[in-house]
Amino acid sequence: MRTGIIYTDTIVHLAPEKFAADVPYQVVIVSLDGEGAGRLTARIAGDNVVIGDRVREVEGRDGIPVFQKSA
């Protein structure tokens, strides 16, 4: 699974109908580890994260990567 650091985040309070039952939820941009790995948009599972936190990918939901704070 992929790992990285939180580059930025936001909390979604008003979502499209498909995700309305999930609000509020956190969406982040993760700077992935590795040379030239880039960044990706993901959701956070579990505790909210802040910029600079280390995270790891734990699953995918409907094609959306889901990360959580690394222990």
N, C-alpha and C. Protein backbone atom coordinates (compact mmCIF):
# COMPACT_ATOMS: atom_id res chain seq x y z
N MET A 1 0.83 -1.18 0.00
CA MET A 1 0.00 0.00 0.00
C MET A 1 0.88 1.25 0.00
N ARG A 2 0.30 2.34 -0.50
CA ARG A 2 1.05 3.59 -0.62
C ARG A 2 1.09 4.34 0.71
N THR A 3 2.15 5.13 0.88
CA THR A 3 2.31 5.96 2.06
C THR A 3 2.67 7.37 1.61
N GLY A 4 2.52 8.33 2.52
CA GLY A 4 2.87 9.70 2.18
C GLY A 4 2.62 10.65 3.33
N ILE A 5 2.62 11.95 3.00
CA ILE A 5 2.44 13.03 3.96
C ILE A 5 1.29 13.92 3.48
N ILE A 6 0.47 14.39 4.42
CA ILE A 6 -0.65 15.27 4.07
C ILE A 6 -0.11 16.62 3.59
N TYR A 7 -0.51 17.00 2.38
CA TYR A 7 -0.12 18.28 1.78
C TYR A 7 -1.16 19.35 2.12
N THR A 8 -2.45 18.99 2.04
CA THR A 8 -3.54 19.90 2.40
C THR A 8 -4.79 19.07 2.67
N ASP A 9 -5.78 19.71 3.31
CA ASP A 9 -7.01 18.98 3.64
C ASP A 9 -8.21 19.91 3.68
N THR A 10 -9.38 19.31 3.68
CA THR A 10 -10.63 20.04 3.87
C THR A 10 -11.67 19.07 4.44
N ILE A 11 -12.63 19.62 5.13
CA ILE A 11 -13.75 18.83 5.65
C ILE A 11 -14.97 19.13 4.78
N VAL A 12 -15.60 18.09 4.27
CA VAL A 12 -16.78 18.23 3.43
C VAL A 12 -18.02 18.13 4.31
N HIS A 13 -18.85 19.18 4.27
CA HIS A 13 -20.09 19.19 5.05
C HIS A 13 -21.33 19.08 4.17
N LEU A 14 -21.19 19.41 2.90
CA LEU A 14 -22.28 19.33 1.94
C LEU A 14 -21.75 18.57 0.73
N ALA A 15 -22.24 17.35 0.53
CA ALA A 15 -21.67 16.46 -0.48
C ALA A 15 -22.69 16.12 -1.56
N PRO A 16 -22.20 15.61 -2.70
CA PRO A 16 -23.12 15.11 -3.71
C PRO A 16 -23.97 13.98 -3.12
N GLU A 17 -25.11 13.74 -3.72
CA GLU A 17 -26.06 12.75 -3.20
C GLU A 17 -25.41 11.40 -2.91
N LYS A 18 -24.50 10.97 -3.77
CA LYS A 18 -23.83 9.67 -3.60
C LYS A 18 -23.09 9.57 -2.27
N PHE A 19 -22.58 10.70 -1.76
CA PHE A 19 -21.78 10.70 -0.53
C PHE A 19 -22.47 11.41 0.63
N ALA A 20 -23.72 11.80 0.46
CA ALA A 20 -24.44 12.60 1.47
C ALA A 20 -24.50 11.90 2.83
N ALA A 21 -24.61 10.60 2.86
CA ALA A 21 -24.70 9.87 4.12
C ALA A 21 -23.37 9.88 4.89
N ASP A 22 -22.28 10.22 4.22
CA ASP A 22 -20.94 10.19 4.84
C ASP A 22 -20.55 11.49 5.53
N VAL A 23 -21.26 12.60 5.28
CA VAL A 23 -20.83 13.89 5.81
C VAL A 23 -20.92 13.95 7.33
N PRO A 24 -20.04 14.68 8.00
CA PRO A 24 -18.86 15.32 7.43
C PRO A 24 -17.74 14.30 7.23
N TYR A 25 -16.94 14.51 6.18
CA TYR A 25 -15.78 13.65 5.96
C TYR A 25 -14.61 14.49 5.48
N GLN A 26 -13.42 13.95 5.66
CA GLN A 26 -12.20 14.68 5.33
C GLN A 26 -11.63 14.21 3.99
N VAL A 27 -11.30 15.19 3.16
CA VAL A 27 -10.64 14.94 1.88
C VAL A 27 -9.26 15.59 1.96
N VAL A 28 -8.26 14.89 1.45
CA VAL A 28 -6.88 15.37 1.54
C VAL A 28 -6.16 15.24 0.21
N ILE A 29 -5.07 15.96 0.08
CA ILE A 29 -4.11 15.70 -0.97
C ILE A 29 -2.88 15.14 -0.28
N VAL A 30 -2.45 13.96 -0.74
CA VAL A 30 -1.31 13.25 -0.15
C VAL A 30 -0.11 13.38 -1.08
N SER A 31 1.02 13.85 -0.54
CA SER A 31 2.29 13.80 -1.26
C SER A 31 2.85 12.41 -1.03
N LEU A 32 2.86 11.60 -2.08
CA LEU A 32 3.26 10.20 -1.95
C LEU A 32 4.77 10.07 -1.76
N ASP A 33 5.17 9.06 -1.00
CA ASP A 33 6.59 8.76 -0.80
C ASP A 33 7.18 8.20 -2.09
N GLY A 34 8.45 8.47 -2.30
CA GLY A 34 9.15 7.94 -3.46
C GLY A 34 9.47 9.03 -4.46
N GLU A 35 10.59 8.88 -5.09
CA GLU A 35 11.07 9.83 -6.09
C GLU A 35 10.05 9.97 -7.21
N GLY A 36 9.56 11.18 -7.44
CA GLY A 36 8.64 11.44 -8.53
C GLY A 36 7.26 10.81 -8.38
N ALA A 37 6.89 10.41 -7.16
CA ALA A 37 5.61 9.71 -6.95
C ALA A 37 4.41 10.63 -7.11
N GLY A 38 4.57 11.92 -6.87
CA GLY A 38 3.48 12.86 -7.08
C GLY A 38 2.52 12.96 -5.92
N ARG A 39 1.34 13.49 -6.22
CA ARG A 39 0.30 13.71 -5.21
C ARG A 39 -1.01 13.12 -5.71
N LEU A 40 -1.89 12.79 -4.77
CA LEU A 40 -3.22 12.33 -5.14
C LEU A 40 -4.24 12.78 -4.12
N THR A 41 -5.50 12.85 -4.57
CA THR A 41 -6.61 13.20 -3.71
C THR A 41 -7.18 11.93 -3.11
N ALA A 42 -7.50 11.97 -1.82
CA ALA A 42 -7.98 10.77 -1.13
C ALA A 42 -8.92 11.18 0.00
N ARG A 43 -9.59 10.18 0.53
CA ARG A 43 -10.41 10.37 1.74
C ARG A 43 -9.64 9.82 2.92
N ILE A 44 -10.04 10.27 4.12
CA ILE A 44 -9.42 9.81 5.36
C ILE A 44 -10.41 8.95 6.13
N ALA A 45 -9.93 7.81 6.61
CA ALA A 45 -10.71 6.94 7.48
C ALA A 45 -10.19 7.11 8.90
N GLY A 46 -11.06 7.03 9.87
CA GLY A 46 -10.65 7.16 11.27
C GLY A 46 -10.45 8.60 11.67
N ASP A 47 -9.47 8.82 12.55
CA ASP A 47 -9.20 10.16 13.08
C ASP A 47 -8.79 11.13 11.98
N ASN A 48 -9.24 12.37 12.10
CA ASN A 48 -8.82 13.40 11.15
C ASN A 48 -7.32 13.61 11.23
N VAL A 49 -6.75 14.09 10.13
CA VAL A 49 -5.32 14.35 10.05
C VAL A 49 -5.11 15.84 9.83
N VAL A 50 -3.86 16.28 9.99
CA VAL A 50 -3.49 17.67 9.73
C VAL A 50 -2.31 17.69 8.77
N ILE A 51 -2.07 18.85 8.18
CA ILE A 51 -0.95 19.00 7.25
C ILE A 51 0.33 18.54 7.92
N GLY A 52 1.08 17.70 7.20
CA GLY A 52 2.35 17.18 7.71
C GLY A 52 2.25 15.80 8.34
N ASP A 53 1.04 15.31 8.62
CA ASP A 53 0.89 13.97 9.19
C ASP A 53 1.28 12.91 8.17
N ARG A 54 1.88 11.83 8.67
CA ARG A 54 2.18 10.67 7.83
C ARG A 54 0.92 9.80 7.76
N VAL A 55 0.64 9.28 6.56
CA VAL A 55 -0.54 8.45 6.35
C VAL A 55 -0.16 7.23 5.51
N ARG A 56 -1.06 6.23 5.56
CA ARG A 56 -0.89 5.03 4.74
C ARG A 56 -2.24 4.67 4.13
N GLU A 57 -2.20 4.12 2.93
CA GLU A 57 -3.42 3.72 2.25
C GLU A 57 -3.95 2.44 2.90
N VAL A 58 -5.26 2.41 3.17
CA VAL A 58 -5.85 1.25 3.82
C VAL A 58 -6.88 0.54 2.95
N GLU A 59 -7.46 1.24 1.99
CA GLU A 59 -8.46 0.63 1.11
C GLU A 59 -8.81 1.59 -0.02
N GLY A 60 -9.71 1.14 -0.87
CA GLY A 60 -10.28 1.97 -1.91
C GLY A 60 -11.79 1.81 -1.87
N ARG A 61 -12.52 2.90 -2.06
CA ARG A 61 -13.99 2.85 -2.08
C ARG A 61 -14.46 3.52 -3.36
N ASP A 62 -15.11 2.76 -4.20
CA ASP A 62 -15.63 3.30 -5.47
C ASP A 62 -14.54 4.01 -6.27
N GLY A 63 -13.34 3.44 -6.28
CA GLY A 63 -12.23 4.02 -7.02
C GLY A 63 -11.53 5.17 -6.33
N ILE A 64 -11.93 5.47 -5.09
CA ILE A 64 -11.31 6.56 -4.33
C ILE A 64 -10.37 5.96 -3.29
N PRO A 65 -9.07 6.34 -3.32
CA PRO A 65 -8.17 5.82 -2.30
C PRO A 65 -8.54 6.36 -0.91
N VAL A 66 -8.40 5.51 0.09
CA VAL A 66 -8.69 5.87 1.47
C VAL A 66 -7.43 5.65 2.29
N PHE A 67 -7.02 6.71 3.00
CA PHE A 67 -5.81 6.68 3.83
C PHE A 67 -6.21 6.85 5.29
N GLN A 68 -5.29 6.49 6.18
CA GLN A 68 -5.47 6.80 7.59
C GLN A 68 -4.12 7.15 8.18
N LYS A 69 -4.18 7.84 9.31
CA LYS A 69 -2.97 8.30 9.98
C LYS A 69 -2.11 7.10 10.35
N SER A 70 -0.80 7.20 10.08
CA SER A 70 0.14 6.13 10.44
C SER A 70 0.38 6.13 11.94
N ALA A 71 0.57 4.97 12.48
CA ALA A 71 0.80 4.83 13.93
C ALA A 71 2.17 5.31 14.32
